[in-house]
Amino acid sequence: MASMDKILAAYKERVALHEAGTSPFAKGIAWIENKLVPLHEARIPILDQGFWHSDLAYDAPAVWNGRFFRLDDHIDRLDASCDKILLKSPLPRDEMKRILCDMVSKTGLRDAQAVIIVTRGLTDVRGWDPRKLVNNLYMFVKPYGWLMQPENHYAGGSAMVARTVHRIPPGAIDPTVKNLQWGDLIRSVLEVQDCGATYPFLTDQEGNLTEGPGFNIHLVQDGVIYTPDRGVLQGITRRSVLDLCKANGVEIRVDVVPVDMVYQCEEIFLSSTAGGILPITKLDGVPVGDGKPGPITMKVWDAYWGMHDDAAYNFQIEYTSP
């Protein structure tokens, strides 16, 4: 646990230093209609189709220790999501990156979550043709958020396979488009929380494992990592897991994963930009393996956070604010 201790202790120190600072945007900043405002003051037009019909695509890159991690990969995925639903960002990539870096700098945050949202735009009062609306862009930066609180990584979290809710079929909503249509995901959270768990695992109509709200799922069996290949968002943290497994000689298979496998595996972990690698040590109220984060999970955990020191995956933000 030495690496985990070091990384999480350094994070807590940075948070304490930030909270002692004086930045007017310390609690977050938003970019709305070419203006920067404190996050709590940010507003979007009520007639924007992003609000009205959840007609949007978004992405959420992270900053860790003052460095943007895989920002270009996140923007690539945002562009791909927009292409699939016929949206286009109003700003070119380089300008978007410049504004995002400026926003992070103004907050003074060394660990942050950035969110980029492209919406269909405002309702046309003369009729509604989605292709004729002017797409809008919104961005904001807030303190880094954890899907699993740092102190809980040591013992791991509790998950449950949702029984009454299935993942929306790809024929209805393309899961590779990152969007805010979370009806099935929120229902699954409510279901498993009523049963004392925290993280819901959703299946498709054929009984195969898919994903959960904001995370991909990874199972370990006989030293091999398995992760679902369909009905899921192609997570950037999931991609990092694929990259680091290749670099460290860990076999990983992206394939159909029958839900029965989740009850037979030796280890389970989640991957999410909101916290990285998240160990799961209890499933449906029963311990997974020996009830502790397993060796493969911890190897991936260490390697993932080690990637944040690799210049191939990140770049330093120039801070100008106190």
C-alpha atoms as a PDB file:
ATOM      1  CA  MET A   1       0.000   0.000   0.000  1.00  0.00           C
ATOM      2  CA  ALA A   2       3.069   2.287  -0.031  1.00  0.00           C
ATOM      3  CA  SER A   3       2.253   3.848  -3.411  1.00  0.00           C
ATOM      4  CA  MET A   4      -1.374   4.399  -2.439  1.00  0.00           C
ATOM      5  CA  ASP A   5      -0.337   6.027   0.840  1.00  0.00           C
ATOM      6  CA  LYS A   6       2.067   8.375  -0.943  1.00  0.00           C
ATOM      7  CA  ILE A   7      -0.293   9.405  -3.733  1.00  0.00           C
ATOM      8  CA  LEU A   8      -3.332  10.007  -1.536  1.00  0.00           C
ATOM      9  CA  ALA A   9      -1.318  11.846   1.124  1.00  0.00           C
ATOM     10  CA  ALA A  10       0.122  14.182  -1.535  1.00  0.00           C
ATOM     11  CA  TYR A  11      -3.383  14.836  -2.860  1.00  0.00           C
ATOM     12  CA  LYS A  12      -4.633  15.783   0.622  1.00  0.00           C
ATOM     13  CA  GLU A  13      -1.697  18.166   1.060  1.00  0.00           C
ATOM     14  CA  ARG A  14      -2.507  19.910  -2.229  1.00  0.00           C
ATOM     15  CA  VAL A  15      -6.153  20.270  -1.226  1.00  0.00           C
ATOM     16  CA  ALA A  16      -5.153  21.823   2.096  1.00  0.00           C
ATOM     17  CA  LEU A  17      -2.839  24.301   0.367  1.00  0.00           C
ATOM     18  CA  HIS A  18      -5.550  25.247  -2.116  1.00  0.00           C
ATOM     19  CA  GLU A  19      -8.128  25.827   0.600  1.00  0.00           C
ATOM     20  CA  ALA A  20      -5.706  28.228   2.255  1.00  0.00           C
ATOM     21  CA  GLY A  21      -5.435  30.271  -0.965  1.00  0.00           C
ATOM     22  CA  THR A  22      -7.366  33.340  -2.087  1.00  0.00           C
ATOM     23  CA  SER A  23      -8.414  32.690  -5.696  1.00  0.00           C
ATOM     24  CA  PRO A  24     -11.881  34.186  -6.412  1.00  0.00           C
ATOM     25  CA  PHE A  25     -12.586  31.096  -8.523  1.00  0.00           C
ATOM     26  CA  ALA A  26     -11.277  28.603  -5.944  1.00  0.00           C
ATOM     27  CA  LYS A  27     -14.571  26.688  -5.827  1.00  0.00           C
ATOM     28  CA  GLY A  28     -14.921  26.508  -9.595  1.00  0.00           C
ATOM     29  CA  ILE A  29     -15.221  28.546 -12.766  1.00  0.00           C
ATOM     30  CA  ALA A  30     -17.508  28.402 -15.797  1.00  0.00           C
ATOM     31  CA  TRP A  31     -17.259  29.626 -19.394  1.00  0.00           C
ATOM     32  CA  ILE A  32     -20.691  30.708 -20.616  1.00  0.00           C
ATOM     33  CA  GLU A  33     -21.254  32.752 -23.791  1.00  0.00           C
ATOM     34  CA  ASN A  34     -17.606  33.848 -23.942  1.00  0.00           C
ATOM     35  CA  LYS A  35     -17.588  34.996 -20.316  1.00  0.00           C
ATOM     36  CA  LEU A  36     -15.911  33.559 -17.222  1.00  0.00           C
ATOM     37  CA  VAL A  37     -17.999  33.464 -14.050  1.00  0.00           C
ATOM     38  CA  PRO A  38     -17.747  31.699 -10.664  1.00  0.00           C
ATOM     39  CA  LEU A  39     -19.213  28.226 -11.050  1.00  0.00           C
ATOM     40  CA  HIS A  40     -22.052  28.803  -8.562  1.00  0.00           C
ATOM     41  CA  GLU A  41     -23.213  31.779 -10.657  1.00  0.00           C
ATOM     42  CA  ALA A  42     -23.238  29.902 -13.975  1.00  0.00           C
ATOM     43  CA  ARG A  43     -26.564  29.726 -15.825  1.00  0.00           C
ATOM     44  CA  ILE A  44     -27.657  28.239 -19.145  1.00  0.00           C
ATOM     45  CA  PRO A  45     -30.691  29.335 -21.213  1.00  0.00           C
ATOM     46  CA  ILE A  46     -33.756  27.309 -20.274  1.00  0.00           C
ATOM     47  CA  LEU A  47     -34.642  26.816 -23.961  1.00  0.00           C
ATOM     48  CA  ASP A  48     -31.312  25.201 -24.782  1.00  0.00           C
ATOM     49  CA  GLN A  49     -31.996  21.724 -26.166  1.00  0.00           C
ATOM     50  CA  GLY A  50     -29.220  20.374 -23.960  1.00  0.00           C
ATOM     51  CA  PHE A  51     -31.425  21.159 -20.975  1.00  0.00           C
ATOM     52  CA  TRP A  52     -34.770  20.621 -22.685  1.00  0.00           C
ATOM     53  CA  HIS A  53     -34.080  17.259 -24.359  1.00  0.00           C
ATOM     54  CA  SER A  54     -30.603  16.262 -23.131  1.00  0.00           C
ATOM     55  CA  ASP A  55     -29.563  16.750 -26.754  1.00  0.00           C
ATOM     56  CA  LEU A  56     -25.830  17.099 -26.221  1.00  0.00           C
ATOM     57  CA  ALA A  57     -22.438  15.479 -26.015  1.00  0.00           C
ATOM     58  CA  TYR A  58     -19.886  16.140 -23.313  1.00  0.00           C
ATOM     59  CA  ASP A  59     -16.554  15.043 -21.928  1.00  0.00           C
ATOM     60  CA  ALA A  60     -14.773  15.461 -18.630  1.00  0.00           C
ATOM     61  CA  PRO A  61     -10.959  15.531 -18.612  1.00  0.00           C
ATOM     62  CA  ALA A  62      -9.112  15.794 -15.321  1.00  0.00           C
ATOM     63  CA  VAL A  63      -6.192  17.747 -13.942  1.00  0.00           C
ATOM     64  CA  TRP A  64      -3.899  15.953 -11.508  1.00  0.00           C
ATOM     65  CA  ASN A  65      -1.056  17.656  -9.667  1.00  0.00           C
ATOM     66  CA  GLY A  66      -1.205  20.629 -12.016  1.00  0.00           C
ATOM     67  CA  ARG A  67      -1.177  18.596 -15.231  1.00  0.00           C
ATOM     68  CA  PHE A  68      -3.963  17.922 -17.717  1.00  0.00           C
ATOM     69  CA  PHE A  69      -4.194  14.148 -18.205  1.00  0.00           C
ATOM     70  CA  ARG A  70      -4.992  12.830 -21.704  1.00  0.00           C
ATOM     71  CA  LEU A  71      -6.774  16.046 -22.669  1.00  0.00           C
ATOM     72  CA  ASP A  72      -6.395  15.420 -26.406  1.00  0.00           C
ATOM     73  CA  ASP A  73      -7.910  11.953 -26.005  1.00  0.00           C
ATOM     74  CA  HIS A  74     -10.914  13.456 -24.244  1.00  0.00           C
ATOM     75  CA  ILE A  75     -11.372  16.070 -26.957  1.00  0.00           C
ATOM     76  CA  ASP A  76     -11.016  13.368 -29.631  1.00  0.00           C
ATOM     77  CA  ARG A  77     -13.810  11.422 -27.960  1.00  0.00           C
ATOM     78  CA  LEU A  78     -15.935  14.559 -27.675  1.00  0.00           C
ATOM     79  CA  ASP A  79     -15.468  15.222 -31.393  1.00  0.00           C
ATOM     80  CA  ALA A  80     -16.420  11.620 -32.188  1.00  0.00           C
ATOM     81  CA  SER A  81     -19.524  11.875 -29.991  1.00  0.00           C
ATOM     82  CA  CYS A  82     -20.533  15.112 -31.709  1.00  0.00           C
ATOM     83  CA  ASP A  83     -20.038  13.592 -35.157  1.00  0.00           C
ATOM     84  CA  LYS A  84     -22.309  10.664 -34.312  1.00  0.00           C
ATOM     85  CA  ILE A  85     -25.225  12.900 -33.335  1.00  0.00           C
ATOM     86  CA  LEU A  86     -24.520  15.710 -35.838  1.00  0.00           C
ATOM     87  CA  LEU A  87     -23.178  18.344 -33.462  1.00  0.00           C
ATOM     88  CA  LYS A  88     -20.138  20.567 -33.911  1.00  0.00           C
ATOM     89  CA  SER A  89     -18.189  22.489 -31.295  1.00  0.00           C
ATOM     90  CA  PRO A  90     -18.390  26.252 -31.884  1.00  0.00           C
ATOM     91  CA  LEU A  91     -14.668  26.587 -30.992  1.00  0.00           C
ATOM     92  CA  PRO A  92     -11.614  25.031 -32.639  1.00  0.00           C
ATOM     93  CA  ARG A  93      -9.640  22.557 -30.540  1.00  0.00           C
ATOM     94  CA  ASP A  94      -6.639  24.802 -29.832  1.00  0.00           C
ATOM     95  CA  GLU A  95      -8.848  27.654 -28.634  1.00  0.00           C
ATOM     96  CA  MET A  96     -10.814  25.289 -26.401  1.00  0.00           C
ATOM     97  CA  LYS A  97      -7.606  23.961 -24.863  1.00  0.00           C
ATOM     98  CA  ARG A  98      -6.288  27.482 -24.305  1.00  0.00           C
ATOM     99  CA  ILE A  99      -9.469  28.544 -22.506  1.00  0.00           C
ATOM    100  CA  LEU A 100      -9.549  25.392 -20.385  1.00  0.00           C
ATOM    101  CA  CYS A 101      -5.946  25.888 -19.261  1.00  0.00           C
ATOM    102  CA  ASP A 102      -6.680  29.536 -18.451  1.00  0.00           C
ATOM    103  CA  MET A 103      -9.723  28.489 -16.434  1.00  0.00           C
ATOM    104  CA  VAL A 104      -7.756  25.950 -14.393  1.00  0.00           C
ATOM    105  CA  SER A 105      -5.016  28.517 -13.831  1.00  0.00           C
ATOM    106  CA  LYS A 106      -7.519  31.070 -12.530  1.00  0.00           C
ATOM    107  CA  THR A 107      -8.942  28.590 -10.003  1.00  0.00           C
ATOM    108  CA  GLY A 108      -5.529  27.708  -8.647  1.00  0.00           C
ATOM    109  CA  LEU A 109      -6.698  24.087  -8.472  1.00  0.00           C
ATOM    110  CA  ARG A 110      -3.923  21.493  -8.815  1.00  0.00           C
ATOM    111  CA  ASP A 111      -6.476  18.668  -8.918  1.00  0.00           C
ATOM    112  CA  ALA A 112      -9.587  19.436 -10.903  1.00  0.00           C
ATOM    113  CA  GLN A 113     -12.377  18.129 -13.098  1.00  0.00           C
ATOM    114  CA  ALA A 114     -13.062  20.002 -16.333  1.00  0.00           C
ATOM    115  CA  VAL A 115     -16.332  19.530 -18.206  1.00  0.00           C
ATOM    116  CA  ILE A 116     -16.922  20.411 -21.872  1.00  0.00           C
ATOM    117  CA  ILE A 117     -20.530  20.344 -23.133  1.00  0.00           C
ATOM    118  CA  VAL A 118     -21.746  20.847 -26.698  1.00  0.00           C
ATOM    119  CA  THR A 119     -25.515  21.241 -26.975  1.00  0.00           C
ATOM    120  CA  ARG A 120     -27.890  21.403 -29.913  1.00  0.00           C
ATOM    121  CA  GLY A 121     -28.650  25.028 -29.092  1.00  0.00           C
ATOM    122  CA  LEU A 122     -31.716  27.152 -28.524  1.00  0.00           C
ATOM    123  CA  THR A 123     -35.155  26.080 -29.741  1.00  0.00           C
ATOM    124  CA  ASP A 124     -36.096  27.694 -33.044  1.00  0.00           C
ATOM    125  CA  VAL A 125     -39.415  29.511 -32.530  1.00  0.00           C
ATOM    126  CA  ARG A 126     -40.204  29.151 -36.250  1.00  0.00           C
ATOM    127  CA  GLY A 127     -40.033  25.363 -36.190  1.00  0.00           C
ATOM    128  CA  TRP A 128     -37.722  22.629 -35.014  1.00  0.00           C
ATOM    129  CA  ASP A 129     -35.118  21.154 -37.315  1.00  0.00           C
ATOM    130  CA  PRO A 130     -32.146  19.954 -35.221  1.00  0.00           C
ATOM    131  CA  ARG A 131     -29.764  20.464 -38.139  1.00  0.00           C
ATOM    132  CA  LYS A 132     -30.590  24.188 -38.349  1.00  0.00           C
ATOM    133  CA  LEU A 133     -29.925  25.084 -34.731  1.00  0.00           C
ATOM    134  CA  VAL A 134     -26.719  26.840 -33.728  1.00  0.00           C
ATOM    135  CA  ASN A 135     -24.781  24.565 -31.384  1.00  0.00           C
ATOM    136  CA  ASN A 136     -23.685  25.957 -28.022  1.00  0.00           C
ATOM    137  CA  LEU A 137     -20.563  25.281 -25.972  1.00  0.00           C
ATOM    138  CA  TYR A 138     -20.324  25.395 -22.182  1.00  0.00           C
ATOM    139  CA  MET A 139     -17.274  24.626 -20.060  1.00  0.00           C
ATOM    140  CA  PHE A 140     -16.584  24.557 -16.356  1.00  0.00           C
ATOM    141  CA  VAL A 141     -13.854  23.526 -13.929  1.00  0.00           C
ATOM    142  CA  LYS A 142     -14.411  22.351 -10.373  1.00  0.00           C
ATOM    143  CA  PRO A 143     -12.380  20.620  -7.648  1.00  0.00           C
ATOM    144  CA  TYR A 144     -11.464  17.025  -8.443  1.00  0.00           C
ATOM    145  CA  GLY A 145     -14.321  14.633  -7.634  1.00  0.00           C
ATOM    146  CA  TRP A 146     -13.985  11.032  -6.481  1.00  0.00           C
ATOM    147  CA  LEU A 147     -16.482   8.323  -7.415  1.00  0.00           C
ATOM    148  CA  MET A 148     -14.985   6.451  -4.472  1.00  0.00           C
ATOM    149  CA  GLN A 149     -13.570   8.561  -1.667  1.00  0.00           C
ATOM    150  CA  PRO A 150      -9.767   8.228  -1.348  1.00  0.00           C
ATOM    151  CA  GLU A 151      -9.831   6.632   2.104  1.00  0.00           C
ATOM    152  CA  ASN A 152     -12.174   3.910   0.792  1.00  0.00           C
ATOM    153  CA  HIS A 153      -9.649   2.690  -1.792  1.00  0.00           C
ATOM    154  CA  TYR A 154      -7.841   0.770   0.923  1.00  0.00           C
ATOM    155  CA  ALA A 155     -10.798  -1.494   1.712  1.00  0.00           C
ATOM    156  CA  GLY A 156     -12.674  -1.257  -1.608  1.00  0.00           C
ATOM    157  CA  GLY A 157     -16.310  -0.617  -2.392  1.00  0.00           C
ATOM    158  CA  SER A 158     -19.562  -2.557  -2.492  1.00  0.00           C
ATOM    159  CA  ALA A 159     -21.329  -3.303  -5.790  1.00  0.00           C
ATOM    160  CA  MET A 160     -24.494  -5.076  -6.865  1.00  0.00           C
ATOM    161  CA  VAL A 161     -25.824  -6.345 -10.176  1.00  0.00           C
ATOM    162  CA  ALA A 162     -29.015  -4.381 -10.870  1.00  0.00           C
ATOM    163  CA  ARG A 163     -32.042  -6.697 -11.166  1.00  0.00           C
ATOM    164  CA  THR A 164     -34.901  -4.483 -12.262  1.00  0.00           C
ATOM    165  CA  VAL A 165     -32.987  -2.121 -14.563  1.00  0.00           C
ATOM    166  CA  HIS A 166     -31.099  -2.945 -17.767  1.00  0.00           C
ATOM    167  CA  ARG A 167     -28.788  -0.723 -19.786  1.00  0.00           C
ATOM    168  CA  ILE A 168     -30.607   1.138 -22.562  1.00  0.00           C
ATOM    169  CA  PRO A 169     -30.018  -0.827 -25.811  1.00  0.00           C
ATOM    170  CA  PRO A 170     -27.428   0.609 -28.235  1.00  0.00           C
ATOM    171  CA  GLY A 171     -30.165   0.752 -30.871  1.00  0.00           C
ATOM    172  CA  ALA A 172     -31.927   3.361 -28.720  1.00  0.00           C
ATOM    173  CA  ILE A 173     -28.978   5.381 -27.384  1.00  0.00           C
ATOM    174  CA  ASP A 174     -25.420   4.878 -28.627  1.00  0.00           C
ATOM    175  CA  PRO A 175     -23.374   4.145 -25.470  1.00  0.00           C
ATOM    176  CA  THR A 176     -20.181   5.350 -27.166  1.00  0.00           C
ATOM    177  CA  VAL A 177     -21.632   8.900 -27.198  1.00  0.00           C
ATOM    178  CA  LYS A 178     -20.953  10.468 -23.811  1.00  0.00           C
ATOM    179  CA  ASN A 179     -24.216  12.175 -22.900  1.00  0.00           C
ATOM    180  CA  LEU A 180     -26.419  13.041 -19.942  1.00  0.00           C
ATOM    181  CA  GLN A 181     -29.306  10.656 -20.637  1.00  0.00           C
ATOM    182  CA  TRP A 182     -28.889   8.800 -17.360  1.00  0.00           C
ATOM    183  CA  GLY A 183     -32.419   7.521 -16.738  1.00  0.00           C
ATOM    184  CA  ASP A 184     -31.408   3.850 -16.526  1.00  0.00           C
ATOM    185  CA  LEU A 185     -28.216   4.648 -14.631  1.00  0.00           C
ATOM    186  CA  ILE A 186     -29.956   6.711 -11.953  1.00  0.00           C
ATOM    187  CA  ARG A 187     -32.644   4.045 -11.516  1.00  0.00           C
ATOM    188  CA  SER A 188     -29.907   1.455 -10.982  1.00  0.00           C
ATOM    189  CA  VAL A 189     -28.257   3.631  -8.315  1.00  0.00           C
ATOM    190  CA  LEU A 190     -31.541   3.914  -6.428  1.00  0.00           C
ATOM    191  CA  GLU A 191     -32.101   0.166  -6.650  1.00  0.00           C
ATOM    192  CA  VAL A 192     -28.719  -0.923  -5.286  1.00  0.00           C
ATOM    193  CA  GLN A 193     -28.613   1.765  -2.607  1.00  0.00           C
ATOM    194  CA  ASP A 194     -31.908   0.417  -1.266  1.00  0.00           C
ATOM    195  CA  CYS A 195     -30.074  -2.898  -0.879  1.00  0.00           C
ATOM    196  CA  GLY A 196     -27.065  -1.412   0.910  1.00  0.00           C
ATOM    197  CA  ALA A 197     -24.617  -1.319  -2.029  1.00  0.00           C
ATOM    198  CA  THR A 198     -23.023   1.694  -3.717  1.00  0.00           C
ATOM    199  CA  TYR A 199     -22.070   0.783  -7.280  1.00  0.00           C
ATOM    200  CA  PRO A 200     -24.618  -0.736  -9.690  1.00  0.00           C
ATOM    201  CA  PHE A 201     -23.562  -3.085 -12.476  1.00  0.00           C
ATOM    202  CA  LEU A 202     -26.000  -3.037 -15.395  1.00  0.00           C
ATOM    203  CA  THR A 203     -26.572  -5.856 -17.862  1.00  0.00           C
ATOM    204  CA  ASP A 204     -27.960  -5.800 -21.380  1.00  0.00           C
ATOM    205  CA  GLN A 205     -31.084  -7.583 -22.579  1.00  0.00           C
ATOM    206  CA  GLU A 206     -29.058 -10.760 -23.257  1.00  0.00           C
ATOM    207  CA  GLY A 207     -27.662 -11.001 -19.727  1.00  0.00           C
ATOM    208  CA  ASN A 208     -24.177  -9.668 -20.505  1.00  0.00           C
ATOM    209  CA  LEU A 209     -22.326  -7.237 -18.285  1.00  0.00           C
ATOM    210  CA  THR A 210     -22.137  -3.634 -19.564  1.00  0.00           C
ATOM    211  CA  GLU A 211     -21.163  -0.724 -17.295  1.00  0.00           C
ATOM    212  CA  GLY A 212     -22.259   1.442 -14.399  1.00  0.00           C
ATOM    213  CA  PRO A 213     -22.997   5.139 -13.921  1.00  0.00           C
ATOM    214  CA  GLY A 214     -19.721   6.868 -14.745  1.00  0.00           C
ATOM    215  CA  PHE A 215     -17.483   3.810 -14.796  1.00  0.00           C
ATOM    216  CA  ASN A 216     -16.324   0.791 -16.780  1.00  0.00           C
ATOM    217  CA  ILE A 217     -16.086  -2.633 -15.128  1.00  0.00           C
ATOM    218  CA  HIS A 218     -13.070  -4.971 -15.096  1.00  0.00           C
ATOM    219  CA  LEU A 219     -12.963  -8.550 -13.811  1.00  0.00           C
ATOM    220  CA  VAL A 220      -9.846 -10.577 -12.998  1.00  0.00           C
ATOM    221  CA  GLN A 221      -9.805 -14.345 -13.440  1.00  0.00           C
ATOM    222  CA  ASP A 222      -6.646 -16.521 -13.474  1.00  0.00           C
ATOM    223  CA  GLY A 223      -4.472 -13.435 -13.891  1.00  0.00           C
ATOM    224  CA  VAL A 224      -6.400 -12.183 -16.941  1.00  0.00           C
ATOM    225  CA  ILE A 225      -8.463  -8.965 -16.964  1.00  0.00           C
ATOM    226  CA  TYR A 226     -11.817  -9.043 -18.759  1.00  0.00           C
ATOM    227  CA  THR A 227     -13.839  -5.942 -19.671  1.00  0.00           C
ATOM    228  CA  PRO A 228     -17.075  -5.706 -21.712  1.00  0.00           C
ATOM    229  CA  ASP A 229     -16.795  -4.771 -25.378  1.00  0.00           C
ATOM    230  CA  ARG A 230     -20.376  -3.657 -26.049  1.00  0.00           C
ATOM    231  CA  GLY A 231     -23.086  -1.540 -24.470  1.00  0.00           C
ATOM    232  CA  VAL A 232     -20.415   0.645 -22.857  1.00  0.00           C
ATOM    233  CA  LEU A 233     -18.761   4.011 -23.137  1.00  0.00           C
ATOM    234  CA  GLN A 234     -15.196   3.612 -24.341  1.00  0.00           C
ATOM    235  CA  GLY A 235     -13.737   5.225 -21.260  1.00  0.00           C
ATOM    236  CA  ILE A 236     -10.467   7.140 -21.359  1.00  0.00           C
ATOM    237  CA  THR A 237      -9.471   5.545 -18.046  1.00  0.00           C
ATOM    238  CA  ARG A 238     -10.440   2.178 -19.571  1.00  0.00           C
ATOM    239  CA  ARG A 239      -8.084   3.025 -22.451  1.00  0.00           C
ATOM    240  CA  SER A 240      -5.385   3.813 -19.896  1.00  0.00           C
ATOM    241  CA  VAL A 241      -5.922   0.363 -18.371  1.00  0.00           C
ATOM    242  CA  LEU A 242      -5.489  -1.198 -21.822  1.00  0.00           C
ATOM    243  CA  ASP A 243      -2.303   0.825 -22.400  1.00  0.00           C
ATOM    244  CA  LEU A 244      -0.709   0.030 -19.066  1.00  0.00           C
ATOM    245  CA  CYS A 245      -1.604  -3.665 -19.253  1.00  0.00           C
ATOM    246  CA  LYS A 246       0.151  -3.866 -22.614  1.00  0.00           C
ATOM    247  CA  ALA A 247       3.185  -2.046 -21.191  1.00  0.00           C
ATOM    248  CA  ASN A 248       3.333  -4.227 -18.053  1.00  0.00           C
ATOM    249  CA  GLY A 249       2.656  -7.629 -19.571  1.00  0.00           C
ATOM    250  CA  VAL A 250      -0.796  -8.060 -18.045  1.00  0.00           C
ATOM    251  CA  GLU A 251      -3.236  -9.891 -20.322  1.00  0.00           C
ATOM    252  CA  ILE A 252      -6.519  -8.063 -20.889  1.00  0.00           C
ATOM    253  CA  ARG A 253      -9.442  -9.176 -23.045  1.00  0.00           C
ATOM    254  CA  VAL A 254     -12.117  -6.844 -24.395  1.00  0.00           C
ATOM    255  CA  ASP A 255     -14.971  -9.209 -25.107  1.00  0.00           C
ATOM    256  CA  VAL A 256     -18.531 -10.239 -24.335  1.00  0.00           C
ATOM    257  CA  VAL A 257     -18.689 -10.778 -20.564  1.00  0.00           C
ATOM    258  CA  PRO A 258     -21.609 -12.936 -19.365  1.00  0.00           C
ATOM    259  CA  VAL A 259     -22.936 -11.672 -16.064  1.00  0.00           C
ATOM    260  CA  ASP A 260     -22.211 -15.070 -14.461  1.00  0.00           C
ATOM    261  CA  MET A 261     -18.495 -14.289 -14.744  1.00  0.00           C
ATOM    262  CA  VAL A 262     -18.818 -11.493 -12.204  1.00  0.00           C
ATOM    263  CA  TYR A 263     -19.697 -14.102  -9.551  1.00  0.00           C
ATOM    264  CA  GLN A 264     -16.785 -16.382 -10.460  1.00  0.00           C
ATOM    265  CA  CYS A 265     -13.920 -13.904 -10.734  1.00  0.00           C
ATOM    266  CA  GLU A 266     -11.167 -13.338  -8.205  1.00  0.00           C
ATOM    267  CA  GLU A 267     -10.999  -9.543  -8.361  1.00  0.00           C
ATOM    268  CA  ILE A 268     -13.160  -6.669  -9.575  1.00  0.00           C
ATOM    269  CA  PHE A 269     -12.219  -3.065 -10.176  1.00  0.00           C
ATOM    270  CA  LEU A 270     -13.836  -0.071 -11.843  1.00  0.00           C
ATOM    271  CA  SER A 271     -12.183   2.578 -13.984  1.00  0.00           C
ATOM    272  CA  SER A 272     -13.287   6.205 -14.096  1.00  0.00           C
ATOM    273  CA  THR A 273     -11.747   9.626 -14.611  1.00  0.00           C
ATOM    274  CA  ALA A 274     -13.402  10.411 -11.268  1.00  0.00           C
ATOM    275  CA  GLY A 275     -10.916   8.530  -9.137  1.00  0.00           C
ATOM    276  CA  GLY A 276      -8.975   6.275 -11.486  1.00  0.00           C
ATOM    277  CA  ILE A 277      -8.911   2.602 -10.454  1.00  0.00           C
ATOM    278  CA  LEU A 278     -11.569   1.721  -7.884  1.00  0.00           C
ATOM    279  CA  PRO A 279     -11.363  -1.662  -6.113  1.00  0.00           C
ATOM    280  CA  ILE A 280     -14.601  -3.570  -5.523  1.00  0.00           C
ATOM    281  CA  THR A 281     -14.360  -6.025  -2.641  1.00  0.00           C
ATOM    282  CA  LYS A 282     -18.021  -6.909  -2.057  1.00  0.00           C
ATOM    283  CA  LEU A 283     -20.629  -7.960  -4.629  1.00  0.00           C
ATOM    284  CA  ASP A 284     -24.284  -8.543  -3.769  1.00  0.00           C
ATOM    285  CA  GLY A 285     -23.259  -8.526  -0.107  1.00  0.00           C
ATOM    286  CA  VAL A 286     -20.643 -11.282  -0.555  1.00  0.00           C
ATOM    287  CA  PRO A 287     -16.856 -10.710  -0.401  1.00  0.00           C
ATOM    288  CA  VAL A 288     -15.005 -10.803  -3.720  1.00  0.00           C
ATOM    289  CA  GLY A 289     -12.010 -13.097  -3.331  1.00  0.00           C
ATOM    290  CA  ASP A 290     -10.599 -12.570   0.147  1.00  0.00           C
ATOM    291  CA  GLY A 291     -12.531  -9.336   0.568  1.00  0.00           C
ATOM    292  CA  LYS A 292      -9.505  -7.087  -0.042  1.00  0.00           C
ATOM    293  CA  PRO A 293      -8.199  -5.268  -3.136  1.00  0.00           C
ATOM    294  CA  GLY A 294      -6.402  -7.991  -5.114  1.00  0.00           C
ATOM    295  CA  PRO A 295      -2.818  -8.014  -6.448  1.00  0.00           C
ATOM    296  CA  ILE A 296      -3.756  -7.397 -10.096  1.00  0.00           C
ATOM    297  CA  THR A 297      -6.044  -4.543  -9.057  1.00  0.00           C
ATOM    298  CA  MET A 298      -3.259  -2.943  -7.024  1.00  0.00           C
ATOM    299  CA  LYS A 299      -0.741  -3.415  -9.833  1.00  0.00           C
ATOM    300  CA  VAL A 300      -3.109  -1.595 -12.184  1.00  0.00           C
ATOM    301  CA  TRP A 301      -3.804   1.059  -9.507  1.00  0.00           C
ATOM    302  CA  ASP A 302      -0.094   1.838  -9.113  1.00  0.00           C
ATOM    303  CA  ALA A 303       0.578   1.808 -12.853  1.00  0.00           C
ATOM    304  CA  TYR A 304      -2.373   4.087 -13.574  1.00  0.00           C
ATOM    305  CA  TRP A 305      -1.243   6.808 -11.200  1.00  0.00           C
ATOM    306  CA  GLY A 306       2.317   6.322 -12.457  1.00  0.00           C
ATOM    307  CA  MET A 307       1.060   7.306 -15.925  1.00  0.00           C
ATOM    308  CA  HIS A 308       0.344  10.774 -14.534  1.00  0.00           C
ATOM    309  CA  ASP A 309       4.102  11.370 -14.329  1.00  0.00           C
ATOM    310  CA  ASP A 310       4.616  10.355 -17.960  1.00  0.00           C
ATOM    311  CA  ALA A 311       4.859  13.333 -20.328  1.00  0.00           C
ATOM    312  CA  ALA A 312       3.401  11.174 -23.109  1.00  0.00           C
ATOM    313  CA  TYR A 313      -0.001  11.423 -21.399  1.00  0.00           C
ATOM    314  CA  ASN A 314      -0.105  14.900 -19.879  1.00  0.00           C
ATOM    315  CA  PHE A 315       1.194  18.442 -19.930  1.00  0.00           C
ATOM    316  CA  GLN A 316       1.876  21.066 -17.272  1.00  0.00           C
ATOM    317  CA  ILE A 317      -0.532  23.977 -16.793  1.00  0.00           C
ATOM    318  CA  GLU A 318       1.014  27.419 -16.350  1.00  0.00           C
ATOM    319  CA  TYR A 319      -0.518  28.912 -13.229  1.00  0.00           C
ATOM    320  CA  THR A 320      -0.667  32.684 -12.960  1.00  0.00           C
ATOM    321  CA  SER A 321      -3.109  33.078 -10.075  1.00  0.00           C
ATOM    322  CA  PRO A 322      -2.039  32.820  -6.422  1.00  0.00           C
END
